[in-house]
Amino acid sequence: MSDSPAPLADPHLVFDAAEGRRDLVILGSTGSIGTQAIDLVLRNPARFRVTALSAAGGRVRLLAEQARQLRVRTVAVADEGKVPALREALGEVYKAGEPLPEILAGPDAATELAGSECHTVLNGITGSIGLAPTLAALRAGRTLALANKESLIVGGPLVKALAAPGQIIPVDSEHAALFQALAAGKRADVRKLVVTASGGPFRGRTRAELADVTREQALAHPTWAMGPVITVNSATLVNKGLEVIEAHLLYDIPFDRIEVVVHPQSYVHSMVEFTDGSTLAQATPPDMRGPIAIGLGWPERVPDAAPAFDWTKASSWEFFPLDTEAFPSVGLARHVGTLGGTAPAVFNAANEECVEAFLAGRLPFNGIMDTVTAVVAEHGTPVPGTSLTVADVLEAETWARSRARELSADATAEAHA
């Protein structure tokens, strides 16, 4: 394996590793990643200070409470219609005489914050709408703690063109694990990456047994507490397919040297196998505050960021091969990742639409991957990665979403015929 080009996420190359308290911008502050990041910040006030927060706008009271707790300068909401409610919430939460934060609103508000003055931007937005903020943070020279895997997947060549080596620190538990394990060796000594998957709530079921699963069953993840979209993606294992593409882009490891193994306990978050036969695994109890702490603090570690194992208690750790027939999403993700260009954007956008349809009761569980597969097949030859533009990504996503909605509606009509 060549040591060139340098990987986007490289633990040996630390981008702007300034000492002292780090100023942070948190995007997606009211979501799962954002709230856990704020918990970490509040427990470590000497290490971190949050200067700005952004959220979609669905939980303005929580956003106002976060703003006051952290004394931020700016808050942003993507939904401009939520500004009156946000102003009201800020007025209720702040005491008389306390200066209120500046409010930004609109679809570009998070992107504006991502380029603002700070040390690190934590992109905890869910979905491909996180692409513009990712590009803005990189363009501004900020360290990017990346929890928004979709922005890297749909805009891979665009992100790689902007990111300096070591500028991106991954926050996904799997990629934070790979990031740490890779610190133990040289890239030339890496044989393969092994990405672990819990298997989700339907591990062990056949495709036929998945036909009638419900929304509630799909949202009952056995080991992780996440938002609904990510939880359904974990049930279909689309999330794991996205992580395979992400690992390829972050570490410049070929797809045929990235494996997926099912590990129900979610203790081992991923592994790196080296050419001498050694395998290094990163293991913690399932808690996202550990990966978040790596993203915000690297190369320093944040003491007591997350719980550790109690080694005085017996436990069993299991590993199983992936059932590719019941869960074809990982194979399809490898395919679109190999195609490159706009293919990953089509895959991700179609999946987002299908997950929404499933959650709304308009599409059966197996219909998610059936529809995504059909949309990817119709997409044909993607725009080459070397000439990819943001406009290309947006156009491909728009088409994929529209086509996924059409096919989902056709499936619903057939089911009720």
Protein backbone atom coordinates (compact mmCIF):
# COMPACT_ATOMS: atom_id res chain seq x y z
CA MET A 1 0.00 0.00 0.00
CA SER A 2 1.33 3.44 -0.86
CA ASP A 3 1.71 6.07 1.86
CA SER A 4 0.33 8.66 -0.57
CA PRO A 5 -2.10 10.33 -0.63
CA ALA A 6 -2.39 11.12 3.06
CA PRO A 7 -5.69 9.98 4.58
CA LEU A 8 -8.28 12.57 5.57
CA ALA A 9 -8.38 11.20 9.11
CA ASP A 10 -4.86 10.40 10.31
CA PRO A 11 -4.06 10.16 14.03
CA HIS A 12 -0.40 10.80 13.27
CA LEU A 13 -1.21 14.19 11.71
CA VAL A 14 -2.98 16.55 14.08
CA PHE A 15 -4.46 19.64 12.47
CA ASP A 16 -3.99 22.83 14.51
CA ALA A 17 -3.44 21.06 17.83
CA ALA A 18 -3.51 24.25 19.91
CA GLU A 19 -3.17 23.98 23.68
CA GLY A 20 -5.58 25.58 26.11
CA ARG A 21 -9.34 25.84 26.00
CA ARG A 22 -10.85 25.14 22.60
CA ASP A 23 -13.69 27.20 21.17
CA LEU A 24 -16.34 24.97 19.60
CA VAL A 25 -19.27 25.36 17.24
CA ILE A 26 -21.85 22.59 17.61
CA LEU A 27 -24.14 21.91 14.65
CA GLY A 28 -27.19 19.81 15.44
CA SER A 29 -27.05 20.70 19.12
CA THR A 30 -30.51 19.38 20.06
CA GLY A 31 -29.94 15.96 18.51
CA SER A 32 -28.36 12.89 20.06
CA ILE A 33 -24.75 13.79 19.21
CA GLY A 34 -25.24 17.45 20.11
CA THR A 35 -26.78 16.85 23.53
CA GLN A 36 -24.08 14.36 24.47
CA ALA A 37 -21.38 16.76 23.28
CA ILE A 38 -22.84 19.50 25.46
CA ASP A 39 -22.84 17.15 28.44
CA LEU A 40 -19.13 16.56 27.81
CA VAL A 41 -18.43 20.29 27.49
CA LEU A 42 -20.28 21.16 30.70
CA ARG A 43 -18.21 18.58 32.57
CA ASN A 44 -14.97 20.01 31.15
CA PRO A 45 -15.28 23.83 31.22
CA ALA A 46 -11.51 24.31 31.42
CA ARG A 47 -11.02 22.44 28.13
CA PHE A 48 -13.93 23.56 25.95
CA ARG A 49 -16.07 26.63 25.33
CA VAL A 50 -19.01 26.66 22.92
CA THR A 51 -19.40 29.86 20.94
CA ALA A 52 -22.37 28.94 18.70
CA LEU A 53 -25.13 26.36 18.33
CA SER A 54 -27.34 25.34 15.43
CA ALA A 55 -30.43 23.15 15.23
CA ALA A 56 -33.21 22.36 12.79
CA GLY A 57 -35.77 24.19 14.91
CA GLY A 58 -38.01 21.45 16.23
CA ARG A 59 -36.88 21.85 19.86
CA VAL A 60 -36.48 25.59 20.38
CA ARG A 61 -36.94 25.44 24.16
CA LEU A 62 -34.03 23.02 24.49
CA LEU A 63 -31.94 25.17 22.13
CA ALA A 64 -32.63 28.24 24.28
CA GLU A 65 -31.69 26.36 27.44
CA GLN A 66 -28.47 25.16 25.84
CA ALA A 67 -27.63 28.69 24.71
CA ARG A 68 -27.98 30.10 28.22
CA GLN A 69 -26.15 27.21 29.88
CA LEU A 70 -23.20 27.63 27.55
CA ARG A 71 -23.40 31.45 27.19
CA VAL A 72 -23.03 31.23 23.43
CA ARG A 73 -22.74 34.25 21.15
CA THR A 74 -24.95 32.88 18.37
CA VAL A 75 -27.79 30.41 17.86
CA ALA A 76 -29.11 29.30 14.50
CA VAL A 77 -32.22 27.49 13.27
CA ALA A 78 -32.71 26.06 9.79
CA ASP A 79 -36.45 26.74 9.87
CA GLU A 80 -37.00 30.51 9.64
CA GLY A 81 -40.58 30.03 10.79
CA LYS A 82 -39.27 28.97 14.21
CA VAL A 83 -37.61 32.30 14.95
CA PRO A 84 -40.58 33.81 16.87
CA ALA A 85 -40.83 30.71 19.05
CA LEU A 86 -37.06 30.78 19.61
CA ARG A 87 -37.15 34.46 20.62
CA GLU A 88 -39.95 33.67 23.06
CA ALA A 89 -38.04 30.72 24.51
CA LEU A 90 -34.88 32.78 24.92
CA GLY A 91 -36.88 35.48 26.69
CA GLU A 92 -38.25 32.90 29.12
CA VAL A 93 -34.93 31.20 29.80
CA TYR A 94 -32.62 34.22 30.11
CA LYS A 95 -32.86 36.41 33.18
CA ALA A 96 -33.53 40.14 33.00
CA GLY A 97 -30.44 42.04 31.94
CA GLU A 98 -28.61 39.03 30.51
CA PRO A 99 -27.44 39.61 26.93
CA LEU A 100 -29.30 37.45 24.43
CA PRO A 101 -27.41 35.60 21.69
CA GLU A 102 -27.56 36.65 18.07
CA ILE A 103 -30.06 34.61 16.03
CA LEU A 104 -29.36 33.30 12.54
CA ALA A 105 -32.07 31.55 10.55
CA GLY A 106 -32.56 29.79 7.25
CA PRO A 107 -31.11 26.83 5.35
CA ASP A 108 -27.66 28.47 5.20
CA ALA A 109 -27.46 29.40 8.89
CA ALA A 110 -25.51 26.30 9.94
CA THR A 111 -23.12 26.79 7.02
CA GLU A 112 -22.44 30.35 8.17
CA LEU A 113 -21.69 29.13 11.69
CA ALA A 114 -19.40 26.39 10.37
CA GLY A 115 -17.13 29.03 8.88
CA SER A 116 -17.16 31.28 11.95
CA GLU A 117 -14.22 31.87 14.27
CA CYS A 118 -13.52 28.80 16.43
CA HIS A 119 -11.08 25.92 16.83
CA THR A 120 -13.33 22.94 16.11
CA VAL A 121 -16.68 22.48 14.38
CA LEU A 122 -18.69 19.45 15.49
CA ASN A 123 -21.00 18.54 12.62
CA GLY A 124 -23.75 16.51 14.28
CA ILE A 125 -26.41 17.22 11.65
CA THR A 126 -28.25 14.16 10.31
CA GLY A 127 -28.45 13.70 6.55
CA SER A 128 -26.81 15.06 3.42
CA ILE A 129 -27.85 18.62 4.35
CA GLY A 130 -24.66 18.52 6.39
CA LEU A 131 -22.50 18.74 3.23
CA ALA A 132 -22.46 22.55 2.94
CA PRO A 133 -21.45 23.07 6.61
CA THR A 134 -18.73 20.42 6.25
CA LEU A 135 -17.28 22.21 3.23
CA ALA A 136 -17.53 25.59 4.97
CA ALA A 137 -15.66 24.37 8.05
CA LEU A 138 -12.88 22.86 5.95
CA ARG A 139 -12.65 25.95 3.75
CA ALA A 140 -12.29 28.13 6.86
CA GLY A 141 -9.48 25.97 8.16
CA ARG A 142 -11.32 24.63 11.19
CA THR A 143 -10.72 21.22 12.68
CA LEU A 144 -13.81 19.21 11.75
CA ALA A 145 -15.19 16.69 14.25
CA LEU A 146 -17.34 14.77 11.78
CA ALA A 147 -20.42 12.92 12.98
CA ASN A 148 -22.32 13.71 9.76
CA LYS A 149 -21.08 10.77 7.68
CA GLU A 150 -23.51 11.61 4.86
CA SER A 151 -21.63 14.77 3.91
CA LEU A 152 -18.44 12.79 3.28
CA ILE A 153 -20.28 10.02 1.46
CA VAL A 154 -22.28 12.19 -0.94
CA GLY A 155 -19.53 14.74 -1.49
CA GLY A 156 -16.42 12.59 -1.17
CA PRO A 157 -14.27 14.19 -3.90
CA LEU A 158 -15.38 17.69 -2.84
CA VAL A 159 -14.47 17.03 0.80
CA LYS A 160 -11.15 15.40 -0.11
CA ALA A 161 -10.22 18.34 -2.31
CA LEU A 162 -10.63 20.77 0.61
CA ALA A 163 -9.47 18.81 3.65
CA ALA A 164 -5.89 19.09 4.82
CA PRO A 165 -4.33 15.85 6.12
CA GLY A 166 -5.53 15.33 9.70
CA GLN A 167 -8.10 18.13 9.54
CA ILE A 168 -11.02 15.70 9.94
CA ILE A 169 -11.47 13.77 13.19
CA PRO A 170 -14.21 11.14 12.87
CA VAL A 171 -16.91 10.94 15.56
CA ASP A 172 -18.76 7.77 14.49
CA SER A 173 -17.93 5.12 17.07
CA GLU A 174 -16.58 2.79 14.37
CA HIS A 175 -14.37 5.39 12.75
CA ALA A 176 -13.16 6.81 16.05
CA ALA A 177 -12.15 3.22 16.85
CA LEU A 178 -10.28 2.79 13.55
CA PHE A 179 -8.69 6.21 14.04
CA GLN A 180 -7.30 5.19 17.43
CA ALA A 181 -6.19 1.71 16.35
CA LEU A 182 -4.40 3.12 13.31
CA ALA A 183 -2.29 5.27 15.64
CA ALA A 184 -0.43 2.08 16.62
CA GLY A 185 1.13 1.45 13.22
CA LYS A 186 2.15 2.73 9.81
CA ARG A 187 -0.31 2.81 6.92
CA ALA A 188 1.99 0.51 4.94
CA ASP A 189 1.56 -2.13 7.65
CA VAL A 190 -2.26 -2.16 7.53
CA ARG A 191 -3.72 -5.31 5.99
CA LYS A 192 -7.42 -4.62 6.52
CA LEU A 193 -10.02 -2.64 8.44
CA VAL A 194 -12.73 -4.58 10.25
CA VAL A 195 -15.90 -2.59 10.92
CA THR A 196 -18.19 -4.06 13.56
CA ALA A 197 -22.00 -4.05 13.40
CA SER A 198 -24.39 -4.83 16.23
CA GLY A 199 -26.68 -6.53 13.73
CA GLY A 200 -29.53 -4.29 14.85
CA PRO A 201 -32.85 -5.51 16.25
CA PHE A 202 -33.32 -8.13 13.52
CA ARG A 203 -30.03 -10.02 13.70
CA GLY A 204 -30.59 -13.67 12.82
CA ARG A 205 -33.82 -13.13 10.88
CA THR A 206 -34.17 -14.20 7.27
CA ARG A 207 -35.38 -11.87 4.57
CA ALA A 208 -38.81 -13.54 4.67
CA GLU A 209 -38.99 -12.95 8.42
CA LEU A 210 -38.31 -9.25 7.90
CA ALA A 211 -41.29 -8.70 5.60
CA ASP A 212 -43.77 -7.70 8.30
CA VAL A 213 -41.62 -5.93 10.89
CA THR A 214 -43.14 -2.75 12.31
CA ARG A 215 -41.92 0.78 12.84
CA GLU A 216 -41.77 0.20 16.59
CA GLN A 217 -39.70 -2.96 16.18
CA ALA A 218 -37.26 -1.22 13.83
CA LEU A 219 -36.81 1.65 16.31
CA ALA A 220 -36.01 -0.69 19.22
CA HIS A 221 -32.23 -0.89 18.83
CA PRO A 222 -30.67 -3.36 21.28
CA THR A 223 -27.54 -1.41 22.24
CA TRP A 224 -27.62 2.22 21.04
CA ALA A 225 -29.98 5.16 21.64
CA MET A 226 -30.09 7.22 18.43
CA GLY A 227 -32.43 9.32 16.32
CA PRO A 228 -35.12 7.55 14.25
CA VAL A 229 -33.39 7.79 10.85
CA ILE A 230 -30.07 6.40 12.11
CA THR A 231 -31.90 3.73 14.12
CA VAL A 232 -33.77 2.48 11.03
CA ASN A 233 -30.51 2.63 9.06
CA SER A 234 -29.00 0.39 11.72
CA ALA A 235 -31.92 -2.02 11.40
CA THR A 236 -31.42 -2.31 7.61
CA LEU A 237 -27.61 -2.12 8.05
CA VAL A 238 -27.56 0.78 5.59
CA ASN A 239 -25.68 2.60 8.32
CA LYS A 240 -22.95 -0.02 8.11
CA GLY A 241 -22.81 0.30 4.34
CA LEU A 242 -22.37 4.05 4.69
CA GLU A 243 -19.60 3.44 7.22
CA VAL A 244 -17.75 1.19 4.77
CA ILE A 245 -17.78 4.01 2.20
CA GLU A 246 -16.73 6.46 4.90
CA ALA A 247 -13.81 4.25 5.99
CA HIS A 248 -12.61 4.02 2.39
CA LEU A 249 -12.71 7.80 2.01
CA LEU A 250 -11.21 8.63 5.42
CA TYR A 251 -8.32 6.18 5.38
CA ASP A 252 -7.72 5.50 1.67
CA ILE A 253 -8.09 1.74 2.14
CA PRO A 254 -9.52 -0.20 -0.86
CA PHE A 255 -13.02 -1.64 -0.49
CA ASP A 256 -11.77 -5.22 -0.76
CA ARG A 257 -9.75 -4.65 2.42
CA ILE A 258 -12.64 -3.34 4.50
CA GLU A 259 -14.72 -6.07 6.16
CA VAL A 260 -17.92 -6.02 8.23
CA VAL A 261 -18.43 -8.41 11.14
CA VAL A 262 -21.49 -8.68 13.39
CA HIS A 263 -20.76 -8.13 17.09
CA PRO A 264 -24.05 -7.99 19.04
CA GLN A 265 -22.64 -6.58 22.29
CA SER A 266 -21.28 -3.42 20.60
CA TYR A 267 -18.24 -3.46 22.88
CA VAL A 268 -15.60 -3.67 20.15
CA HIS A 269 -16.24 -0.69 17.89
CA SER A 270 -13.89 -1.69 15.07
CA MET A 271 -10.50 -3.31 14.47
CA VAL A 272 -7.36 -2.91 12.39
CA GLU A 273 -5.47 -5.98 11.19
CA PHE A 274 -1.78 -5.45 10.45
CA THR A 275 0.48 -7.36 8.08
CA ASP A 276 2.23 -9.23 10.89
CA GLY A 277 -1.05 -10.90 11.88
CA SER A 278 -1.77 -8.61 14.83
CA THR A 279 -5.28 -7.19 15.22
CA LEU A 280 -5.89 -4.12 17.37
CA ALA A 281 -9.44 -3.59 18.63
CA GLN A 282 -10.82 -0.48 20.32
CA ALA A 283 -13.37 -1.39 22.98
CA THR A 284 -15.60 0.53 25.37
CA PRO A 285 -19.17 0.10 26.60
CA PRO A 286 -21.59 1.55 24.00
CA ASP A 287 -21.60 5.29 24.77
CA MET A 288 -21.10 8.03 22.17
CA ARG A 289 -19.44 10.44 24.57
CA GLY A 290 -16.15 8.57 24.11
CA PRO A 291 -16.00 9.09 20.31
CA ILE A 292 -17.23 12.67 20.77
CA ALA A 293 -14.38 13.33 23.20
CA ILE A 294 -11.89 12.01 20.64
CA GLY A 295 -13.36 14.37 18.04
CA LEU A 296 -13.22 17.41 20.28
CA GLY A 297 -10.01 16.80 22.19
CA TRP A 298 -7.57 14.85 20.02
CA PRO A 299 -4.60 14.37 20.40
CA GLU A 300 -5.38 14.77 24.11
CA ARG A 301 -7.84 12.44 25.84
CA VAL A 302 -10.64 13.75 28.04
CA PRO A 303 -10.58 11.97 31.42
CA ASP A 304 -13.78 10.12 32.34
CA ALA A 305 -15.45 11.11 29.08
CA ALA A 306 -17.43 7.87 29.09
CA PRO A 307 -17.81 4.76 31.27
CA ALA A 308 -15.12 2.06 31.24
CA PHE A 309 -15.49 -1.70 31.58
CA ASP A 310 -15.69 -3.35 34.96
CA TRP A 311 -13.21 -6.15 34.38
CA THR A 312 -14.16 -7.86 37.65
CA LYS A 313 -17.44 -8.94 36.01
CA ALA A 314 -17.67 -11.82 33.54
CA SER A 315 -18.88 -11.04 30.03
CA SER A 316 -19.06 -12.75 26.65
CA TRP A 317 -18.14 -11.09 23.36
CA GLU A 318 -19.45 -12.69 20.16
CA PHE A 319 -18.63 -12.21 16.48
CA PHE A 320 -20.63 -13.52 13.50
CA PRO A 321 -20.40 -13.19 9.70
CA LEU A 322 -22.77 -10.78 8.00
CA ASP A 323 -25.90 -12.26 6.40
CA THR A 324 -25.70 -10.57 3.00
CA GLU A 325 -28.97 -12.11 1.75
CA ALA A 326 -31.14 -10.72 4.55
CA PHE A 327 -29.16 -7.47 4.64
CA PRO A 328 -27.96 -6.57 1.11
CA SER A 329 -27.28 -2.93 2.01
CA VAL A 330 -23.56 -3.35 2.69
CA GLY A 331 -22.96 -4.97 -0.69
CA LEU A 332 -24.92 -2.25 -2.46
CA ALA A 333 -22.93 0.41 -0.58
CA ARG A 334 -19.66 -1.16 -1.74
CA HIS A 335 -21.01 -1.07 -5.29
CA VAL A 336 -21.94 2.62 -5.24
CA GLY A 337 -18.73 3.47 -3.40
CA THR A 338 -16.74 1.79 -6.14
CA LEU A 339 -18.74 3.62 -8.82
CA GLY A 340 -18.05 6.91 -7.04
CA GLY A 341 -19.18 10.23 -8.46
CA THR A 342 -22.86 10.87 -7.78
CA ALA A 343 -23.72 7.20 -7.08
CA PRO A 344 -23.23 7.45 -3.28
CA ALA A 345 -25.43 10.57 -3.23
CA VAL A 346 -28.18 8.71 -5.09
CA PHE A 347 -27.91 5.77 -2.67
CA ASN A 348 -28.08 8.00 0.40
CA ALA A 349 -30.88 10.27 -0.85
CA ALA A 350 -33.06 7.35 -1.98
CA ASN A 351 -32.53 5.70 1.39
CA GLU A 352 -33.50 8.84 3.31
CA GLU A 353 -36.76 9.03 1.35
CA CYS A 354 -37.49 5.34 1.84
CA VAL A 355 -36.82 5.51 5.57
CA GLU A 356 -39.24 8.42 5.82
CA ALA A 357 -41.83 6.39 3.89
CA PHE A 358 -41.32 3.39 6.16
CA LEU A 359 -41.65 5.49 9.32
CA ALA A 360 -44.86 6.98 7.91
CA GLY A 361 -46.26 3.53 7.17
CA ARG A 362 -46.14 3.93 3.39
CA LEU A 363 -43.43 1.33 2.69
CA PRO A 364 -42.69 -2.11 4.18
CA PHE A 365 -39.33 -2.76 5.81
CA ASN A 366 -37.93 -4.86 2.95
CA GLY A 367 -39.26 -2.22 0.57
CA ILE A 368 -36.58 0.19 1.79
CA MET A 369 -33.69 -1.71 0.23
CA ASP A 370 -35.73 -2.95 -2.73
CA THR A 371 -36.55 0.63 -3.66
CA VAL A 372 -33.03 1.96 -3.04
CA THR A 373 -31.60 -0.83 -5.19
CA ALA A 374 -33.99 0.03 -8.02
CA VAL A 375 -33.14 3.74 -7.85
CA VAL A 376 -29.39 3.03 -7.91
CA ALA A 377 -29.84 0.71 -10.91
CA GLU A 378 -31.81 3.36 -12.81
CA HIS A 379 -29.22 6.01 -12.08
CA GLY A 380 -26.79 4.39 -14.45
CA THR A 381 -23.34 5.87 -15.03
CA PRO A 382 -22.61 8.56 -12.42
CA VAL A 383 -20.88 11.88 -12.94
CA PRO A 384 -17.16 11.09 -12.58
CA GLY A 385 -15.66 12.03 -9.23
CA THR A 386 -12.88 14.06 -10.82
CA SER A 387 -15.38 16.61 -12.11
CA LEU A 388 -17.97 16.40 -9.35
CA THR A 389 -19.55 19.67 -8.23
CA VAL A 390 -22.02 20.57 -5.48
CA ALA A 391 -24.59 21.20 -8.22
CA ASP A 392 -24.05 17.65 -9.52
CA VAL A 393 -24.65 16.24 -6.03
CA LEU A 394 -27.79 18.29 -5.50
CA GLU A 395 -29.18 17.39 -8.93
CA ALA A 396 -28.52 13.68 -8.34
CA GLU A 397 -30.12 13.83 -4.90
CA THR A 398 -33.19 15.62 -6.21
CA TRP A 399 -33.69 13.00 -8.90
CA ALA A 400 -33.11 10.13 -6.47
CA ARG A 401 -35.58 11.49 -3.92
CA SER A 402 -38.24 12.03 -6.57
CA ARG A 403 -37.75 8.58 -8.07
CA ALA A 404 -37.75 6.92 -4.63
CA ARG A 405 -41.05 8.64 -3.79
CA GLU A 406 -42.55 7.46 -7.08
CA LEU A 407 -41.46 3.86 -6.55
CA SER A 408 -42.61 3.92 -2.92
CA ALA A 409 -46.04 5.17 -4.02
CA ASP A 410 -46.21 2.40 -6.65
CA ALA A 411 -45.36 -0.20 -4.00
CA THR A 412 -48.07 1.16 -1.71
CA ALA A 413 -50.63 1.09 -4.51
CA GLU A 414 -49.74 -2.51 -5.37
CA ALA A 415 -50.02 -3.55 -1.72
CA HIS A 416 -53.56 -2.13 -1.53
CA ALA A 417 -54.70 -3.31 -4.94
